[in-house]
Every structure is written in structure tokens, then in C-alpha cells.
Amino acid sequence: MRRDIRDMLLTLASALPYLVAECVLSYFVQRGDFVTEAMYFCVVLAFVFSMASLARTRGTEYNLVRLGLLITLLADYFLVVREPVKQLSGVITFCFVQMAYFAALILSDKSRTRRTVHIAVRAVLTVLVVPVAFAVLGESADALAIFSALYYVNLVCNTVFALMDFKKWWIFGVGLVAFCLCDASIGFTFLANEYLGAAEGSLIYKIAHSDLNLAWVFYVPSLTLIGLTPHIPLGERTERAE
């Protein structure tokens, strides 16, 4: 037990420079002169740090998390770096990110019942989300809206089932919760500007037009925790003992 605690403390200490660097970058995202560069470097750093543990953590599930971060580099290139922004390309690419995370969760899950439920729930929601989107949005249901709905359904599924396998995936799961909050804040700002007609000076208006980039308040912690996931392979000792 003492050795386990010592190993965990050493692992956390080795991750400290990475955590500090992401915090510094988060500040520059909100207050710096090179916002776009800081945003994208947050993504790059999360991927690079996830790769730094490759020599000692080579499980397929962790390699799939790394793959998800690699694909995220492309997705955020479309959404952050490229001018003009290519929203549809970015959202479609993020769908592949969520599929990589889905594969990681399924392949690592030791519970046959939970695997079955996971696949069934995801399949049903994926089939239903398209007609629901058309029913809600009507003629406004373009390709961007459809792929955004597909992406978000898969993100929520990954979040829920990561947290259900809490002992192994809690760091990853909390990262995905932050990911959901990032996208929710984007949706809130869009609704406030386009549909709610928030009056200037109202609370909703102040939140939607605050000095903070709300999406990135949540997105940087999300990237940080997902990048940390392969570095701290939780549940490994428990699984070997069983």
C-alpha cells in the first residue's frame, strides 16, 4: 500500500509541470495577446503529454485516448486556427474523436452487461437524433446541425459510461464533463444571441457577453484531464488482483 501511494505521488509530481503549463496557457487564452496560438497550443500540449507516457502505458484503451487527442488537433485546426473557420469539417472530425473514446471505453470495460447496455443506448440515440433534429429544427436542420447533434449525443454517452466505470476512468470522465460544459456554454451563447433576445444589461446578456471565453474556461481543463488520463492508468492494480 505504501509503495502504491509513493508511486501515485511520484506520478502526480511528474505531471505537475504539465498542469502548470496548461494553467498558464488558460490565462493567455483569456487575457493574452496571442489568443489563437495559446488555444491551439493547449491542444498540442495535451497530446504531447499523453504521448510522453507511451513507453510505460501501452494499453489499447490508452492508445485510443491518444488517438482521440491526435484527431482533436485536426478538429481544432478547422475550428480555431484556420481562417475562415470550417465549422462542418471541425464538427465531423470531432465525431471521430468521440468514436475513438467510445472504442477505448468499450474495449476496457470488464462488465459484459454494461458493454451491452452501452452499445444499445448509443445505437438507439444515434438512430433517433437525426429525426428528432429534423422535427425540432425543421427546415433549419442543415448538415452542421445534424452532425453537431450526432457529436453531442456521442459525447454525452462517453461521459456517462466513463463515469459508470469510475474506478478506471474518473479522470477521463471528469474531463468529458468539462467537455460537455464547454459545448453547453457555446450553445447557451448561441441561444442567447439568436433566440432568447436577451436584453442588454440582463443576466443572460451579461453571461453571454462576458469578458471570459466561457467555452475555453471548460475546454482547457477538459484537454488537460484527457491528456493526463494515459499518464495515470487507474484501476490497473485492481484488475490484476481480480
Protein backbone atom coordinates (compact mmCIF):
# COMPACT_ATOMS: atom_id res chain seq x y z
CA MET A 1 0.00 0.00 0.00
CA ARG A 2 2.78 2.41 0.90
CA ARG A 3 4.51 1.66 -2.38
CA ASP A 4 1.26 2.36 -4.26
CA ILE A 5 0.88 5.71 -2.52
CA ARG A 6 4.50 6.59 -3.21
CA ASP A 7 4.16 5.65 -6.88
CA MET A 8 1.00 7.74 -7.19
CA LEU A 9 2.68 10.76 -5.58
CA LEU A 10 5.66 10.44 -7.93
CA THR A 11 3.33 10.16 -10.90
CA LEU A 12 1.43 13.26 -9.84
CA ALA A 13 4.66 15.15 -9.24
CA SER A 14 5.88 14.29 -12.74
CA ALA A 15 2.63 15.70 -14.15
CA LEU A 16 2.91 18.97 -12.23
CA PRO A 17 4.85 20.92 -14.91
CA TYR A 18 2.20 19.90 -17.46
CA LEU A 19 -0.65 21.03 -15.20
CA VAL A 20 1.07 24.36 -14.52
CA ALA A 21 1.72 24.89 -18.24
CA GLU A 22 -1.94 24.29 -19.10
CA CYS A 23 -2.99 26.76 -16.35
CA VAL A 24 -0.64 29.40 -17.77
CA LEU A 25 -1.96 28.81 -21.27
CA SER A 26 -5.52 29.07 -19.96
CA TYR A 27 -4.68 32.53 -18.64
CA PHE A 28 -3.29 33.60 -22.02
CA VAL A 29 -6.41 32.25 -23.74
CA GLN A 30 -8.47 34.67 -21.66
CA ARG A 31 -6.11 37.62 -21.30
CA GLY A 32 -3.14 37.25 -23.66
CA ASP A 33 -2.23 38.93 -26.93
CA PHE A 34 -1.80 35.62 -28.76
CA VAL A 35 -5.15 34.00 -28.03
CA THR A 36 -5.36 31.73 -31.07
CA GLU A 37 -1.82 30.47 -30.55
CA ALA A 38 -2.48 29.83 -26.85
CA MET A 39 -5.71 27.99 -27.65
CA TYR A 40 -4.12 25.64 -30.12
CA PHE A 41 -1.03 25.06 -28.00
CA CYS A 42 -3.33 23.83 -25.20
CA VAL A 43 -4.42 21.06 -27.56
CA VAL A 44 -0.88 20.34 -28.75
CA LEU A 45 0.44 20.14 -25.19
CA ALA A 46 -2.32 17.73 -24.10
CA PHE A 47 -1.49 15.40 -27.00
CA VAL A 48 2.27 15.62 -26.47
CA PHE A 49 1.93 14.91 -22.76
CA SER A 50 -0.31 11.91 -23.45
CA MET A 51 2.41 10.54 -25.73
CA ALA A 52 5.11 11.08 -23.10
CA SER A 53 3.79 8.08 -21.12
CA LEU A 54 3.70 5.78 -24.15
CA ALA A 55 6.74 3.78 -23.03
CA ARG A 56 5.10 2.68 -19.77
CA THR A 57 1.36 2.81 -20.59
CA ARG A 58 0.69 0.98 -23.84
CA GLY A 59 -2.77 -0.42 -23.25
CA THR A 60 -5.04 -0.27 -26.28
CA GLU A 61 -7.56 1.89 -24.41
CA TYR A 62 -4.93 4.50 -23.62
CA ASN A 63 -3.65 4.47 -27.18
CA LEU A 64 -7.22 5.17 -28.30
CA VAL A 65 -7.36 8.15 -25.92
CA ARG A 66 -4.12 9.36 -27.51
CA LEU A 67 -5.67 8.82 -30.94
CA GLY A 68 -8.64 10.93 -29.88
CA LEU A 69 -6.30 13.77 -28.90
CA LEU A 70 -4.44 13.41 -32.20
CA ILE A 71 -7.71 13.77 -34.11
CA THR A 72 -8.58 16.72 -31.86
CA LEU A 73 -5.54 18.52 -33.29
CA LEU A 74 -7.18 18.34 -36.71
CA ALA A 75 -10.64 19.26 -35.41
CA ASP A 76 -9.34 22.35 -33.63
CA TYR A 77 -7.27 23.29 -36.65
CA PHE A 78 -10.57 23.67 -38.52
CA LEU A 79 -12.29 25.48 -35.64
CA VAL A 80 -9.51 27.57 -34.10
CA VAL A 81 -6.58 28.07 -36.46
CA ARG A 82 -7.99 28.09 -39.96
CA GLU A 83 -9.29 31.30 -41.49
CA PRO A 84 -12.10 31.21 -42.33
CA VAL A 85 -13.27 28.67 -39.78
CA LYS A 86 -14.63 25.42 -41.24
CA GLN A 87 -17.32 24.53 -38.72
CA LEU A 88 -18.73 21.50 -40.51
CA SER A 89 -15.29 19.94 -41.02
CA GLY A 90 -14.45 20.58 -37.38
CA VAL A 91 -17.65 19.03 -36.04
CA ILE A 92 -17.36 15.96 -38.30
CA THR A 93 -13.77 15.50 -37.14
CA PHE A 94 -14.90 15.76 -33.50
CA CYS A 95 -17.36 12.92 -34.23
CA PHE A 96 -14.32 10.72 -34.94
CA VAL A 97 -12.75 11.91 -31.68
CA GLN A 98 -15.78 10.64 -29.78
CA MET A 99 -15.68 7.34 -31.66
CA ALA A 100 -12.07 6.83 -30.55
CA TYR A 101 -13.11 7.47 -26.94
CA PHE A 102 -16.08 5.11 -27.36
CA ALA A 103 -13.72 2.37 -28.55
CA ALA A 104 -11.44 2.98 -25.55
CA LEU A 105 -14.34 2.62 -23.11
CA ILE A 106 -15.81 -0.49 -24.74
CA LEU A 107 -12.51 -2.35 -25.09
CA SER A 108 -11.54 -1.72 -21.48
CA ASP A 109 -14.92 -2.49 -19.90
CA LYS A 110 -14.87 -5.76 -17.92
CA SER A 111 -18.66 -5.79 -17.45
CA ARG A 112 -20.48 -7.62 -20.25
CA THR A 113 -23.81 -6.17 -19.13
CA ARG A 114 -22.53 -2.60 -19.18
CA ARG A 115 -20.93 -3.13 -22.60
CA THR A 116 -24.23 -4.39 -23.98
CA VAL A 117 -26.21 -1.51 -22.49
CA HIS A 118 -23.61 0.97 -23.71
CA ILE A 119 -23.78 -0.22 -27.31
CA ALA A 120 -27.59 -0.45 -27.27
CA VAL A 121 -28.07 3.03 -25.80
CA ARG A 122 -25.61 4.60 -28.21
CA ALA A 123 -27.18 2.87 -31.20
CA VAL A 124 -30.71 3.94 -30.25
CA LEU A 125 -29.71 7.56 -29.59
CA THR A 126 -27.70 7.75 -32.81
CA VAL A 127 -30.70 6.49 -34.81
CA LEU A 128 -33.15 8.82 -33.05
CA VAL A 129 -31.09 12.00 -33.05
CA VAL A 130 -31.47 12.68 -36.79
CA PRO A 131 -35.31 12.58 -36.98
CA VAL A 132 -35.51 14.48 -33.67
CA ALA A 133 -33.23 17.18 -35.07
CA PHE A 134 -35.44 17.49 -38.16
CA ALA A 135 -38.57 17.57 -36.01
CA VAL A 136 -37.21 20.33 -33.78
CA LEU A 137 -35.36 22.44 -36.34
CA GLY A 138 -37.50 21.85 -39.40
CA GLU A 139 -36.02 23.49 -42.48
CA SER A 140 -33.16 24.84 -40.39
CA ALA A 141 -31.79 21.31 -39.92
CA ASP A 142 -28.71 21.57 -42.11
CA ALA A 143 -25.65 19.30 -42.17
CA LEU A 144 -23.93 21.28 -39.41
CA ALA A 145 -26.93 20.86 -37.08
CA ILE A 146 -27.22 17.13 -37.79
CA PHE A 147 -23.54 16.37 -37.23
CA SER A 148 -23.49 18.60 -34.15
CA ALA A 149 -26.36 16.58 -32.68
CA LEU A 150 -24.63 13.29 -33.52
CA TYR A 151 -21.41 14.54 -31.97
CA TYR A 152 -23.06 15.74 -28.78
CA VAL A 153 -25.03 12.52 -28.27
CA ASN A 154 -21.81 10.53 -28.53
CA LEU A 155 -20.01 12.91 -26.17
CA VAL A 156 -22.76 12.55 -23.55
CA CYS A 157 -22.73 8.75 -23.90
CA ASN A 158 -18.97 8.66 -23.44
CA THR A 159 -19.24 10.89 -20.38
CA VAL A 160 -21.95 8.81 -18.72
CA PHE A 161 -20.29 5.45 -19.32
CA ALA A 162 -16.83 6.71 -18.36
CA LEU A 163 -18.27 7.81 -15.01
CA MET A 164 -20.06 4.48 -14.61
CA ASP A 165 -16.65 2.79 -14.77
CA PHE A 166 -15.48 5.32 -12.20
CA LYS A 167 -12.56 3.41 -10.68
CA LYS A 168 -10.75 3.22 -14.01
CA TRP A 169 -11.96 6.28 -15.89
CA TRP A 170 -12.79 9.01 -13.36
CA ILE A 171 -10.05 11.40 -14.58
CA PHE A 172 -11.19 10.89 -18.16
CA GLY A 173 -14.85 11.12 -17.13
CA VAL A 174 -14.38 14.44 -15.34
CA GLY A 175 -12.53 15.69 -18.43
CA LEU A 176 -15.53 14.72 -20.55
CA VAL A 177 -17.88 16.51 -18.12
CA ALA A 178 -15.82 19.66 -18.71
CA PHE A 179 -16.05 18.93 -22.46
CA CYS A 180 -19.86 18.83 -22.17
CA LEU A 181 -19.87 22.13 -20.25
CA CYS A 182 -17.69 23.69 -22.95
CA ASP A 183 -20.20 22.76 -25.65
CA ALA A 184 -23.14 23.73 -23.43
CA SER A 185 -21.66 27.21 -22.99
CA ILE A 186 -21.31 27.55 -26.77
CA GLY A 187 -24.94 26.53 -27.15
CA PHE A 188 -26.02 28.94 -24.41
CA THR A 189 -24.27 31.87 -26.09
CA PHE A 190 -25.82 30.97 -29.44
CA LEU A 191 -29.31 30.71 -27.97
CA ALA A 192 -28.90 33.98 -26.05
CA ASN A 193 -27.84 35.82 -29.19
CA GLU A 194 -30.11 34.19 -31.76
CA TYR A 195 -33.28 33.04 -30.00
CA LEU A 196 -33.70 34.38 -26.48
CA GLY A 197 -33.32 38.01 -27.46
CA ALA A 198 -31.62 38.81 -24.16
CA ALA A 199 -31.91 42.50 -23.37
CA GLU A 200 -28.69 44.41 -22.84
CA GLY A 201 -27.97 44.55 -19.13
CA SER A 202 -29.89 41.37 -18.30
CA LEU A 203 -28.15 38.48 -16.54
CA ILE A 204 -28.33 36.27 -19.63
CA TYR A 205 -26.84 39.04 -21.77
CA LYS A 206 -24.02 39.63 -19.26
CA ILE A 207 -23.14 35.94 -19.19
CA ALA A 208 -23.24 35.60 -22.98
CA HIS A 209 -21.16 38.75 -23.48
CA SER A 210 -18.77 38.49 -20.55
CA ASP A 211 -15.06 39.17 -20.91
CA LEU A 212 -14.37 35.49 -20.37
CA ASN A 213 -14.38 32.99 -23.20
CA LEU A 214 -16.73 30.60 -21.38
CA ALA A 215 -16.17 27.70 -23.74
CA TRP A 216 -12.44 27.72 -23.10
CA VAL A 217 -12.90 28.11 -19.35
CA PHE A 218 -14.13 24.49 -19.54
CA TYR A 219 -12.24 23.27 -22.61
CA VAL A 220 -8.73 23.73 -21.23
CA PRO A 221 -9.46 21.64 -18.09
CA SER A 222 -11.07 19.05 -20.36
CA LEU A 223 -7.99 18.79 -22.56
CA THR A 224 -5.74 18.75 -19.51
CA LEU A 225 -7.54 15.85 -17.85
CA ILE A 226 -7.87 13.82 -21.05
CA GLY A 227 -4.14 14.32 -21.68
CA LEU A 228 -3.47 13.21 -18.10
CA THR A 229 -5.52 10.01 -18.45
CA PRO A 230 -2.82 7.79 -20.05
CA HIS A 231 -0.25 9.16 -17.57
CA ILE A 232 -2.19 7.81 -14.57
CA PRO A 233 -3.56 4.37 -15.55
CA LEU A 234 -6.21 3.90 -12.88
CA GLY A 235 -7.67 0.51 -11.99
CA GLU A 236 -4.68 -1.44 -13.25
CA ARG A 237 -3.73 -2.95 -9.87
CA THR A 238 -7.34 -3.76 -9.04
CA GLU A 239 -7.81 -5.59 -12.34
CA ARG A 240 -4.62 -7.63 -11.87
CA ALA A 241 -5.67 -8.57 -8.34
CA GLU A 242 -9.04 -9.80 -9.58
